Amino acid sequence: MDINNIFEFFKNFKNIQESMNQMQAQMKTAVVTGSSGGDMVKIEMNCAFEILSISISPEAIDPTDKKMLEDLILAAFNNTMTNVKEKLKENAGPLASGLNFPFGSTGQ
């Protein structure tokens, strides 16, 4: 590799790094909602995987059926994670093509 190729490599690397930093900042502000049980449980999360809020309707709270509420929360969380992954794929676009993020493959 000659010296011009090395400079070009580092120039491109810096651009990619700046794009990644920009994308990370945008993902913190991108908010996604997931739900379960006909919206009895809703979870709001940003695309930086931070839970912003959890909403549980009074109908979902049955002291004699703790397991049902736990299942609703789990299903709402999984639905939210699926929605976050889709949002990330949508927003990452060409930048994520070929990268192997820990949440699954992109660029497909």
PDB file of N, CA and C in Angstrom:
ATOM      1  N   MET A   1       0.862  -1.175   0.000  1.00  0.00           N
ATOM      2  CA  MET A   1       0.000   0.000   0.000  1.00  0.00           C
ATOM      3  C   MET A   1       0.904   1.232   0.000  1.00  0.00           C
ATOM      4  N   ASP A   2       0.679   2.118  -0.982  1.00  0.00           N
ATOM      5  CA  ASP A   2       1.517   3.314  -1.028  1.00  0.00           C
ATOM      6  C   ASP A   2       0.970   4.402  -0.100  1.00  0.00           C
ATOM      7  N   ILE A   3       1.730   5.453   0.042  1.00  0.00           N
ATOM      8  CA  ILE A   3       1.403   6.519   1.009  1.00  0.00           C
ATOM      9  C   ILE A   3       0.076   7.199   0.679  1.00  0.00           C
ATOM     10  N   ASN A   4      -0.267   7.357  -0.603  1.00  0.00           N
ATOM     11  CA  ASN A   4      -1.541   7.987  -0.981  1.00  0.00           C
ATOM     12  C   ASN A   4      -2.720   7.129  -0.542  1.00  0.00           C
ATOM     13  N   ASN A   5      -2.575   5.817  -0.682  1.00  0.00           N
ATOM     14  CA  ASN A   5      -3.646   4.916  -0.244  1.00  0.00           C
ATOM     15  C   ASN A   5      -3.833   4.965   1.267  1.00  0.00           C
ATOM     16  N   ILE A   6      -2.748   5.107   1.987  1.00  0.00           N
ATOM     17  CA  ILE A   6      -2.824   5.188   3.446  1.00  0.00           C
ATOM     18  C   ILE A   6      -3.577   6.451   3.857  1.00  0.00           C
ATOM     19  N   PHE A   7      -3.238   7.591   3.235  1.00  0.00           N
ATOM     20  CA  PHE A   7      -3.945   8.842   3.544  1.00  0.00           C
ATOM     21  C   PHE A   7      -5.422   8.747   3.197  1.00  0.00           C
ATOM     22  N   GLU A   8      -5.730   8.132   2.069  1.00  0.00           N
ATOM     23  CA  GLU A   8      -7.131   7.972   1.656  1.00  0.00           C
ATOM     24  C   GLU A   8      -7.881   7.082   2.644  1.00  0.00           C
ATOM     25  N   PHE A   9      -7.223   6.021   3.100  1.00  0.00           N
ATOM     26  CA  PHE A   9      -7.823   5.121   4.080  1.00  0.00           C
ATOM     27  C   PHE A   9      -8.187   5.880   5.350  1.00  0.00           C
ATOM     28  N   PHE A  10      -7.243   6.662   5.873  1.00  0.00           N
ATOM     29  CA  PHE A  10      -7.503   7.393   7.116  1.00  0.00           C
ATOM     30  C   PHE A  10      -8.553   8.486   6.924  1.00  0.00           C
ATOM     31  N   LYS A  11      -8.568   9.095   5.754  1.00  0.00           N
ATOM     32  CA  LYS A  11      -9.594  10.098   5.456  1.00  0.00           C
ATOM     33  C   LYS A  11     -10.976   9.445   5.471  1.00  0.00           C
ATOM     34  N   ASN A  12     -11.112   8.312   4.820  1.00  0.00           N
ATOM     35  CA  ASN A  12     -12.387   7.587   4.805  1.00  0.00           C
ATOM     36  C   ASN A  12     -12.762   7.083   6.194  1.00  0.00           C
ATOM     37  N   PHE A  13     -11.785   6.618   6.943  1.00  0.00           N
ATOM     38  CA  PHE A  13     -12.045   6.132   8.295  1.00  0.00           C
ATOM     39  C   PHE A  13     -12.602   7.260   9.169  1.00  0.00           C
ATOM     40  N   LYS A  14     -12.027   8.441   9.041  1.00  0.00           N
ATOM     41  CA  LYS A  14     -12.500   9.584   9.828  1.00  0.00           C
ATOM     42  C   LYS A  14     -13.938   9.920   9.442  1.00  0.00           C
ATOM     43  N   ASN A  15     -14.277   9.878   8.160  1.00  0.00           N
ATOM     44  CA  ASN A  15     -15.645  10.153   7.708  1.00  0.00           C
ATOM     45  C   ASN A  15     -16.621   9.113   8.248  1.00  0.00           C
ATOM     46  N   ILE A  16     -16.219   7.859   8.222  1.00  0.00           N
ATOM     47  CA  ILE A  16     -17.076   6.785   8.742  1.00  0.00           C
ATOM     48  C   ILE A  16     -17.275   6.961  10.237  1.00  0.00           C
ATOM     49  N   GLN A  17     -16.203   7.295  10.940  1.00  0.00           N
ATOM     50  CA  GLN A  17     -16.288   7.495  12.380  1.00  0.00           C
ATOM     51  C   GLN A  17     -17.222   8.665  12.714  1.00  0.00           C
ATOM     52  N   GLU A  18     -17.133   9.751  11.956  1.00  0.00           N
ATOM     53  CA  GLU A  18     -18.013  10.893  12.177  1.00  0.00           C
ATOM     54  C   GLU A  18     -19.466  10.516  11.900  1.00  0.00           C
ATOM     55  N   SER A  19     -19.680   9.743  10.854  1.00  0.00           N
ATOM     56  CA  SER A  19     -21.041   9.294  10.528  1.00  0.00           C
ATOM     57  C   SER A  19     -21.604   8.404  11.625  1.00  0.00           C
ATOM     58  N   MET A  20     -20.778   7.537  12.172  1.00  0.00           N
ATOM     59  CA  MET A  20     -21.216   6.657  13.258  1.00  0.00           C
ATOM     60  C   MET A  20     -21.581   7.482  14.496  1.00  0.00           C
ATOM     61  N   ASN A  21     -20.770   8.486  14.822  1.00  0.00           N
ATOM     62  CA  ASN A  21     -21.066   9.332  15.980  1.00  0.00           C
ATOM     63  C   ASN A  21     -22.378  10.082  15.783  1.00  0.00           C
ATOM     64  N   GLN A  22     -22.592  10.564  14.567  1.00  0.00           N
ATOM     65  CA  GLN A  22     -23.828  11.269  14.247  1.00  0.00           C
ATOM     66  C   GLN A  22     -25.032  10.334  14.370  1.00  0.00           C
ATOM     67  N   MET A  23     -24.881   9.115  13.856  1.00  0.00           N
ATOM     68  CA  MET A  23     -25.961   8.135  13.919  1.00  0.00           C
ATOM     69  C   MET A  23     -26.280   7.779  15.373  1.00  0.00           C
ATOM     70  N   GLN A  24     -25.261   7.618  16.208  1.00  0.00           N
ATOM     71  CA  GLN A  24     -25.488   7.295  17.619  1.00  0.00           C
ATOM     72  C   GLN A  24     -26.272   8.403  18.316  1.00  0.00           C
ATOM     73  N   ALA A  25     -25.956   9.641  18.011  1.00  0.00           N
ATOM     74  CA  ALA A  25     -26.685  10.768  18.612  1.00  0.00           C
ATOM     75  C   ALA A  25     -28.143  10.765  18.155  1.00  0.00           C
ATOM     76  N   GLN A  26     -28.376  10.479  16.889  1.00  0.00           N
ATOM     77  CA  GLN A  26     -29.743  10.415  16.370  1.00  0.00           C
ATOM     78  C   GLN A  26     -30.524   9.274  17.006  1.00  0.00           C
ATOM     79  N   MET A  27     -29.878   8.156  17.249  1.00  0.00           N
ATOM     80  CA  MET A  27     -30.566   6.993  17.810  1.00  0.00           C
ATOM     81  C   MET A  27     -31.016   7.246  19.243  1.00  0.00           C
ATOM     82  N   LYS A  28     -30.312   8.108  19.955  1.00  0.00           N
ATOM     83  CA  LYS A  28     -30.737   8.449  21.318  1.00  0.00           C
ATOM     84  C   LYS A  28     -32.056   9.206  21.311  1.00  0.00           C
ATOM     85  N   THR A  29     -32.327   9.932  20.223  1.00  0.00           N
ATOM     86  CA  THR A  29     -33.558  10.714  20.151  1.00  0.00           C
ATOM     87  C   THR A  29     -34.673   9.989  19.412  1.00  0.00           C
ATOM     88  N   ALA A  30     -34.353   8.891  18.725  1.00  0.00           N
ATOM     89  CA  ALA A  30     -35.382   8.115  18.019  1.00  0.00           C
ATOM     90  C   ALA A  30     -36.108   7.234  19.035  1.00  0.00           C
ATOM     91  N   VAL A  31     -37.405   7.446  19.179  1.00  0.00           N
ATOM     92  CA  VAL A  31     -38.196   6.744  20.192  1.00  0.00           C
ATOM     93  C   VAL A  31     -39.138   5.753  19.513  1.00  0.00           C
ATOM     94  N   VAL A  32     -39.200   4.548  20.067  1.00  0.00           N
ATOM     95  CA  VAL A  32     -40.021   3.458  19.536  1.00  0.00           C
ATOM     96  C   VAL A  32     -40.890   2.925  20.669  1.00  0.00           C
ATOM     97  N   THR A  33     -42.101   2.505  20.321  1.00  0.00           N
ATOM     98  CA  THR A  33     -43.020   1.947  21.312  1.00  0.00           C
ATOM     99  C   THR A  33     -43.357   0.511  20.934  1.00  0.00           C
ATOM    100  N   GLY A  34     -43.469  -0.331  21.937  1.00  0.00           N
ATOM    101  CA  GLY A  34     -43.943  -1.697  21.768  1.00  0.00           C
ATOM    102  C   GLY A  34     -45.042  -1.942  22.774  1.00  0.00           C
ATOM    103  N   SER A  35     -45.880  -2.934  22.479  1.00  0.00           N
ATOM    104  CA  SER A  35     -46.981  -3.193  23.406  1.00  0.00           C
ATOM    105  C   SER A  35     -47.376  -4.656  23.372  1.00  0.00           C
ATOM    106  N   SER A  36     -48.266  -5.001  24.298  1.00  0.00           N
ATOM    107  CA  SER A  36     -48.827  -6.352  24.329  1.00  0.00           C
ATOM    108  C   SER A  36     -50.200  -6.283  24.990  1.00  0.00           C
ATOM    109  N   GLY A  37     -50.945  -7.375  24.829  1.00  0.00           N
ATOM    110  CA  GLY A  37     -52.258  -7.472  25.469  1.00  0.00           C
ATOM    111  C   GLY A  37     -53.215  -6.389  25.017  1.00  0.00           C
ATOM    112  N   GLY A  38     -53.193  -6.078  23.715  1.00  0.00           N
ATOM    113  CA  GLY A  38     -54.077  -5.022  23.230  1.00  0.00           C
ATOM    114  C   GLY A  38     -53.747  -3.677  23.851  1.00  0.00           C
ATOM    115  N   ASP A  39     -52.480  -3.385  23.984  1.00  0.00           N
ATOM    116  CA  ASP A  39     -51.973  -2.135  24.562  1.00  0.00           C
ATOM    117  C   ASP A  39     -52.171  -2.034  26.076  1.00  0.00           C
ATOM    118  N   MET A  40     -52.401  -3.167  26.747  1.00  0.00           N
ATOM    119  CA  MET A  40     -52.496  -3.111  28.212  1.00  0.00           C
ATOM    120  C   MET A  40     -51.140  -2.790  28.825  1.00  0.00           C
ATOM    121  N   VAL A  41     -50.063  -3.224  28.151  1.00  0.00           N
ATOM    122  CA  VAL A  41     -48.707  -2.897  28.590  1.00  0.00           C
ATOM    123  C   VAL A  41     -47.994  -2.257  27.404  1.00  0.00           C
ATOM    124  N   LYS A  42     -47.420  -1.076  27.624  1.00  0.00           N
ATOM    125  CA  LYS A  42     -46.678  -0.360  26.593  1.00  0.00           C
ATOM    126  C   LYS A  42     -45.298  -0.003  27.140  1.00  0.00           C
ATOM    127  N   ILE A  43     -44.310  -0.144  26.289  1.00  0.00           N
ATOM    128  CA  ILE A  43     -42.944   0.226  26.657  1.00  0.00           C
ATOM    129  C   ILE A  43     -42.414   1.166  25.584  1.00  0.00           C
ATOM    130  N   GLU A  44     -41.831   2.262  26.037  1.00  0.00           N
ATOM    131  CA  GLU A  44     -41.227   3.239  25.142  1.00  0.00           C
ATOM    132  C   GLU A  44     -39.716   3.180  25.359  1.00  0.00           C
ATOM    133  N   MET A  45     -38.968   3.077  24.257  1.00  0.00           N
ATOM    134  CA  MET A  45     -37.518   2.929  24.341  1.00  0.00           C
ATOM    135  C   MET A  45     -36.885   3.740  23.225  1.00  0.00           C
ATOM    136  N   ASN A  46     -35.712   4.301  23.499  1.00  0.00           N
ATOM    137  CA  ASN A  46     -34.997   4.945  22.402  1.00  0.00           C
ATOM    138  C   ASN A  46     -34.115   3.909  21.716  1.00  0.00           C
ATOM    139  N   CYS A  47     -33.540   4.287  20.602  1.00  0.00           N
ATOM    140  CA  CYS A  47     -32.743   3.332  19.823  1.00  0.00           C
ATOM    141  C   CYS A  47     -31.325   3.174  20.366  1.00  0.00           C
ATOM    142  N   ALA A  48     -31.081   3.750  21.542  1.00  0.00           N
ATOM    143  CA  ALA A  48     -29.844   3.487  22.269  1.00  0.00           C
ATOM    144  C   ALA A  48     -30.123   2.451  23.364  1.00  0.00           C
ATOM    145  N   PHE A  49     -31.279   1.786  23.246  1.00  0.00           N
ATOM    146  CA  PHE A  49     -31.697   0.705  24.144  1.00  0.00           C
ATOM    147  C   PHE A  49     -31.932   1.164  25.579  1.00  0.00           C
ATOM    148  N   GLU A  50     -32.385   2.412  25.741  1.00  0.00           N
ATOM    149  CA  GLU A  50     -32.732   2.926  27.060  1.00  0.00           C
ATOM    150  C   GLU A  50     -34.258   2.973  27.160  1.00  0.00           C
ATOM    151  N   ILE A  51     -34.804   2.315  28.191  1.00  0.00           N
ATOM    152  CA  ILE A  51     -36.253   2.347  28.397  1.00  0.00           C
ATOM    153  C   ILE A  51     -36.611   3.717  28.949  1.00  0.00           C
ATOM    154  N   LEU A  52     -37.556   4.370  28.279  1.00  0.00           N
ATOM    155  CA  LEU A  52     -37.976   5.710  28.661  1.00  0.00           C
ATOM    156  C   LEU A  52     -39.226   5.690  29.533  1.00  0.00           C
ATOM    157  N   SER A  53     -40.130   4.738  29.244  1.00  0.00           N
ATOM    158  CA  SER A  53     -41.330   4.648  30.062  1.00  0.00           C
ATOM    159  C   SER A  53     -41.975   3.277  29.909  1.00  0.00           C
ATOM    160  N   ILE A  54     -42.723   2.908  30.938  1.00  0.00           N
ATOM    161  CA  ILE A  54     -43.534   1.691  30.931  1.00  0.00           C
ATOM    162  C   ILE A  54     -44.915   2.091  31.413  1.00  0.00           C
ATOM    163  N   SER A  55     -45.915   1.689  30.653  1.00  0.00           N
ATOM    164  CA  SER A  55     -47.296   2.002  31.013  1.00  0.00           C
ATOM    165  C   SER A  55     -48.076   0.695  31.152  1.00  0.00           C
ATOM    166  N   ILE A  56     -48.745   0.527  32.287  1.00  0.00           N
ATOM    167  CA  ILE A  56     -49.536  -0.677  32.548  1.00  0.00           C
ATOM    168  C   ILE A  56     -50.954  -0.232  32.887  1.00  0.00           C
ATOM    169  N   SER A  57     -51.905  -0.706  32.089  1.00  0.00           N
ATOM    170  CA  SER A  57     -53.290  -0.323  32.350  1.00  0.00           C
ATOM    171  C   SER A  57     -53.813  -1.045  33.599  1.00  0.00           C
ATOM    172  N   PRO A  58     -54.746  -0.451  34.314  1.00  0.00           N
ATOM    173  CA  PRO A  58     -55.279  -1.068  35.540  1.00  0.00           C
ATOM    174  C   PRO A  58     -55.865  -2.460  35.295  1.00  0.00           C
ATOM    175  N   GLU A  59     -56.419  -2.699  34.102  1.00  0.00           N
ATOM    176  CA  GLU A  59     -57.002  -4.019  33.806  1.00  0.00           C
ATOM    177  C   GLU A  59     -55.956  -5.134  33.809  1.00  0.00           C
ATOM    178  N   ALA A  60     -54.692  -4.770  33.574  1.00  0.00           N
ATOM    179  CA  ALA A  60     -53.626  -5.774  33.532  1.00  0.00           C
ATOM    180  C   ALA A  60     -53.131  -6.152  34.921  1.00  0.00           C
ATOM    181  N   ILE A  61     -53.542  -5.406  35.927  1.00  0.00           N
ATOM    182  CA  ILE A  61     -53.050  -5.639  37.290  1.00  0.00           C
ATOM    183  C   ILE A  61     -54.074  -6.456  38.067  1.00  0.00           C
ATOM    184  N   ASP A  62     -53.805  -7.736  38.128  1.00  0.00           N
ATOM    185  CA  ASP A  62     -54.647  -8.666  38.882  1.00  0.00           C
ATOM    186  C   ASP A  62     -53.748  -9.323  39.932  1.00  0.00           C
ATOM    187  N   PRO A  63     -53.910  -8.965  41.189  1.00  0.00           N
ATOM    188  CA  PRO A  63     -53.033  -9.516  42.228  1.00  0.00           C
ATOM    189  C   PRO A  63     -53.040 -11.040  42.303  1.00  0.00           C
ATOM    190  N   THR A  64     -54.080 -11.663  41.783  1.00  0.00           N
ATOM    191  CA  THR A  64     -54.141 -13.126  41.832  1.00  0.00           C
ATOM    192  C   THR A  64     -53.491 -13.764  40.600  1.00  0.00           C
ATOM    193  N   ASP A  65     -53.069 -12.943  39.619  1.00  0.00           N
ATOM    194  CA  ASP A  65     -52.478 -13.482  38.394  1.00  0.00           C
ATOM    195  C   ASP A  65     -51.196 -12.725  38.032  1.00  0.00           C
ATOM    196  N   LYS A  66     -50.221 -12.829  38.901  1.00  0.00           N
ATOM    197  CA  LYS A  66     -48.930 -12.175  38.711  1.00  0.00           C
ATOM    198  C   LYS A  66     -48.257 -12.647  37.429  1.00  0.00           C
ATOM    199  N   LYS A  67     -48.377 -13.920  37.119  1.00  0.00           N
ATOM    200  CA  LYS A  67     -47.729 -14.513  35.941  1.00  0.00           C
ATOM    201  C   LYS A  67     -48.224 -13.848  34.652  1.00  0.00           C
ATOM    202  N   MET A  68     -49.517 -13.535  34.563  1.00  0.00           N
ATOM    203  CA  MET A  68     -50.047 -12.903  33.358  1.00  0.00           C
ATOM    204  C   MET A  68     -49.392 -11.538  33.135  1.00  0.00           C
ATOM    205  N   LEU A  69     -49.251 -10.742  34.196  1.00  0.00           N
ATOM    206  CA  LEU A  69     -48.628  -9.432  34.072  1.00  0.00           C
ATOM    207  C   LEU A  69     -47.162  -9.570  33.658  1.00  0.00           C
ATOM    208  N   GLU A  70     -46.471 -10.521  34.244  1.00  0.00           N
ATOM    209  CA  GLU A  70     -45.076 -10.756  33.862  1.00  0.00           C
ATOM    210  C   GLU A  70     -44.981 -11.118  32.380  1.00  0.00           C
ATOM    211  N   ASP A  71     -45.887 -11.971  31.901  1.00  0.00           N
ATOM    212  CA  ASP A  71     -45.892 -12.358  30.482  1.00  0.00           C
ATOM    213  C   ASP A  71     -46.196 -11.166  29.578  1.00  0.00           C
ATOM    214  N   LEU A  72     -47.127 -10.304  30.002  1.00  0.00           N
ATOM    215  CA  LEU A  72     -47.450  -9.111  29.218  1.00  0.00           C
ATOM    216  C   LEU A  72     -46.260  -8.158  29.127  1.00  0.00           C
ATOM    217  N   ILE A  73     -45.556  -7.979  30.244  1.00  0.00           N
ATOM    218  CA  ILE A  73     -44.376  -7.104  30.251  1.00  0.00           C
ATOM    219  C   ILE A  73     -43.291  -7.682  29.339  1.00  0.00           C
ATOM    220  N   LEU A  74     -43.052  -8.979  29.442  1.00  0.00           N
ATOM    221  CA  LEU A  74     -42.053  -9.634  28.593  1.00  0.00           C
ATOM    222  C   LEU A  74     -42.417  -9.501  27.116  1.00  0.00           C
ATOM    223  N   ALA A  75     -43.661  -9.735  26.779  1.00  0.00           N
ATOM    224  CA  ALA A  75     -44.097  -9.633  25.381  1.00  0.00           C
ATOM    225  C   ALA A  75     -43.975  -8.194  24.881  1.00  0.00           C
ATOM    226  N   ALA A  76     -44.324  -7.220  25.713  1.00  0.00           N
ATOM    227  CA  ALA A  76     -44.201  -5.818  25.316  1.00  0.00           C
ATOM    228  C   ALA A  76     -42.737  -5.441  25.115  1.00  0.00           C
ATOM    229  N   PHE A  77     -41.870  -5.932  25.981  1.00  0.00           N
ATOM    230  CA  PHE A  77     -40.438  -5.650  25.840  1.00  0.00           C
ATOM    231  C   PHE A  77     -39.902  -6.250  24.545  1.00  0.00           C
ATOM    232  N   ASN A  78     -40.246  -7.503  24.276  1.00  0.00           N
ATOM    233  CA  ASN A  78     -39.783  -8.150  23.042  1.00  0.00           C
ATOM    234  C   ASN A  78     -40.312  -7.431  21.809  1.00  0.00           C
ATOM    235  N   ASN A  79     -41.557  -6.982  21.845  1.00  0.00           N
ATOM    236  CA  ASN A  79     -42.131  -6.227  20.742  1.00  0.00           C
ATOM    237  C   ASN A  79     -41.380  -4.907  20.550  1.00  0.00           C
ATOM    238  N   THR A  80     -41.047  -4.249  21.635  1.00  0.00           N
ATOM    239  CA  THR A  80     -40.297  -2.998  21.561  1.00  0.00           C
ATOM    240  C   THR A  80     -38.916  -3.230  20.964  1.00  0.00           C
ATOM    241  N   MET A  81     -38.239  -4.280  21.398  1.00  0.00           N
ATOM    242  CA  MET A  81     -36.905  -4.586  20.869  1.00  0.00           C
ATOM    243  C   MET A  81     -36.964  -4.859  19.366  1.00  0.00           C
ATOM    244  N   THR A  82     -37.972  -5.574  18.928  1.00  0.00           N
ATOM    245  CA  THR A  82     -38.144  -5.831  17.497  1.00  0.00           C
ATOM    246  C   THR A  82     -38.308  -4.516  16.751  1.00  0.00           C
ATOM    247  N   ASN A  83     -39.115  -3.612  17.299  1.00  0.00           N
ATOM    248  CA  ASN A  83     -39.342  -2.314  16.665  1.00  0.00           C
ATOM    249  C   ASN A  83     -38.077  -1.455  16.652  1.00  0.00           C
ATOM    250  N   VAL A  84     -37.284  -1.523  17.708  1.00  0.00           N
ATOM    251  CA  VAL A  84     -36.014  -0.790  17.755  1.00  0.00           C
ATOM    252  C   VAL A  84     -35.070  -1.327  16.686  1.00  0.00           C
ATOM    253  N   LYS A  85     -34.973  -2.635  16.560  1.00  0.00           N
ATOM    254  CA  LYS A  85     -34.090  -3.229  15.546  1.00  0.00           C
ATOM    255  C   LYS A  85     -34.488  -2.783  14.148  1.00  0.00           C
ATOM    256  N   GLU A  86     -35.784  -2.758  13.890  1.00  0.00           N
ATOM    257  CA  GLU A  86     -36.264  -2.315  12.575  1.00  0.00           C
ATOM    258  C   GLU A  86     -35.921  -0.851  12.335  1.00  0.00           C
ATOM    259  N   LYS A  87     -36.083  -0.025  13.352  1.00  0.00           N
ATOM    260  CA  LYS A  87     -35.770   1.402  13.237  1.00  0.00           C
ATOM    261  C   LYS A  87     -34.281   1.595  12.983  1.00  0.00           C
ATOM    262  N   LEU A  88     -33.453   0.815  13.668  1.00  0.00           N
ATOM    263  CA  LEU A  88     -32.009   0.909  13.474  1.00  0.00           C
ATOM    264  C   LEU A  88     -31.625   0.503  12.058  1.00  0.00           C
ATOM    265  N   LYS A  89     -32.201  -0.578  11.560  1.00  0.00           N
ATOM    266  CA  LYS A  89     -31.917  -1.006  10.186  1.00  0.00           C
ATOM    267  C   LYS A  89     -32.322   0.073   9.199  1.00  0.00           C
ATOM    268  N   GLU A  90     -33.485   0.646   9.431  1.00  0.00           N
ATOM    269  CA  GLU A  90     -34.026   1.687   8.557  1.00  0.00           C
ATOM    270  C   GLU A  90     -33.127   2.931   8.560  1.00  0.00           C
ATOM    271  N   ASN A  91     -32.675   3.352   9.724  1.00  0.00           N
ATOM    272  CA  ASN A  91     -31.882   4.577   9.837  1.00  0.00           C
ATOM    273  C   ASN A  91     -30.408   4.390   9.532  1.00  0.00           C
ATOM    274  N   ALA A  92     -29.881   3.203   9.774  1.00  0.00           N
ATOM    275  CA  ALA A  92     -28.460   2.969   9.545  1.00  0.00           C
ATOM    276  C   ALA A  92     -28.152   2.895   8.060  1.00  0.00           C
ATOM    277  N   GLY A  93     -29.064   2.334   7.286  1.00  0.00           N
ATOM    278  CA  GLY A  93     -28.929   2.266   5.834  1.00  0.00           C
ATOM    279  C   GLY A  93     -27.576   1.767   5.378  1.00  0.00           C
ATOM    280  N   PRO A  94     -26.985   2.485   4.444  1.00  0.00           N
ATOM    281  CA  PRO A  94     -25.723   2.039   3.857  1.00  0.00           C
ATOM    282  C   PRO A  94     -24.575   1.996   4.852  1.00  0.00           C
ATOM    283  N   LEU A  95     -24.654   2.820   5.894  1.00  0.00           N
ATOM    284  CA  LEU A  95     -23.575   2.836   6.875  1.00  0.00           C
ATOM    285  C   LEU A  95     -23.439   1.485   7.563  1.00  0.00           C
ATOM    286  N   ALA A  96     -24.572   0.823   7.816  1.00  0.00           N
ATOM    287  CA  ALA A  96     -24.556  -0.448   8.542  1.00  0.00           C
ATOM    288  C   ALA A  96     -24.403  -1.644   7.621  1.00  0.00           C
ATOM    289  N   SER A  97     -24.470  -1.429   6.354  1.00  0.00           N
ATOM    290  CA  SER A  97     -24.369  -2.538   5.406  1.00  0.00           C
ATOM    291  C   SER A  97     -23.067  -3.302   5.618  1.00  0.00           C
ATOM    292  N   GLY A  98     -23.212  -4.559   5.893  1.00  0.00           N
ATOM    293  CA  GLY A  98     -22.045  -5.404   6.087  1.00  0.00           C
ATOM    294  C   GLY A  98     -21.487  -5.407   7.494  1.00  0.00           C
ATOM    295  N   LEU A  99     -21.981  -4.545   8.365  1.00  0.00           N
ATOM    296  CA  LEU A  99     -21.518  -4.556   9.747  1.00  0.00           C
ATOM    297  C   LEU A  99     -22.325  -5.572  10.541  1.00  0.00           C
ATOM    298  N   ASN A 100     -21.691  -6.218  11.489  1.00  0.00           N
ATOM    299  CA  ASN A 100     -22.385  -7.207  12.308  1.00  0.00           C
ATOM    300  C   ASN A 100     -22.645  -6.619  13.676  1.00  0.00           C
ATOM    301  N   PHE A 101     -23.802  -5.936  13.815  1.00  0.00           N
ATOM    302  CA  PHE A 101     -24.179  -5.355  15.099  1.00  0.00           C
ATOM    303  C   PHE A 101     -24.572  -6.482  16.063  1.00  0.00           C
ATOM    304  N   PRO A 102     -24.431  -6.242  17.359  1.00  0.00           N
ATOM    305  CA  PRO A 102     -24.764  -7.292  18.328  1.00  0.00           C
ATOM    306  C   PRO A 102     -26.234  -7.654  18.363  1.00  0.00           C
ATOM    307  N   PHE A 103     -27.113  -6.812  17.825  1.00  0.00           N
ATOM    308  CA  PHE A 103     -28.546  -7.097  17.861  1.00  0.00           C
ATOM    309  C   PHE A 103     -29.007  -7.852  16.632  1.00  0.00           C
ATOM    310  N   GLY A 104     -28.104  -8.263  15.766  1.00  0.00           N
ATOM    311  CA  GLY A 104     -28.504  -9.033  14.592  1.00  0.00           C
ATOM    312  C   GLY A 104     -27.887  -8.459  13.342  1.00  0.00           C
ATOM    313  N   SER A 105     -28.108  -9.135  12.244  1.00  0.00           N
ATOM    314  CA  SER A 105     -27.503  -8.704  11.008  1.00  0.00           C
ATOM    315  C   SER A 105     -28.273  -7.561  10.388  1.00  0.00           C
ATOM    316  N   THR A 106     -27.552  -6.739   9.621  1.00  0.00           N
ATOM    317  CA  THR A 106     -28.173  -5.619   8.924  1.00  0.00           C
ATOM    318  C   THR A 106     -27.768  -5.690   7.462  1.00  0.00           C
ATOM    319  N   GLY A 107     -28.330  -4.786   6.702  1.00  0.00           N
ATOM    320  CA  GLY A 107     -27.950  -4.709   5.313  1.00  0.00           C
ATOM    321  C   GLY A 107     -28.528  -5.797   4.460  1.00  0.00           C
ATOM    322  N   GLN A 108     -29.579  -6.457   4.933  1.00  0.00           N
ATOM    323  CA  GLN A 108     -30.181  -7.532   4.152  1.00  0.00           C
ATOM    324  C   GLN A 108     -31.338  -7.033   3.352  1.00  0.00           C
TER     325      GLN A 108
END
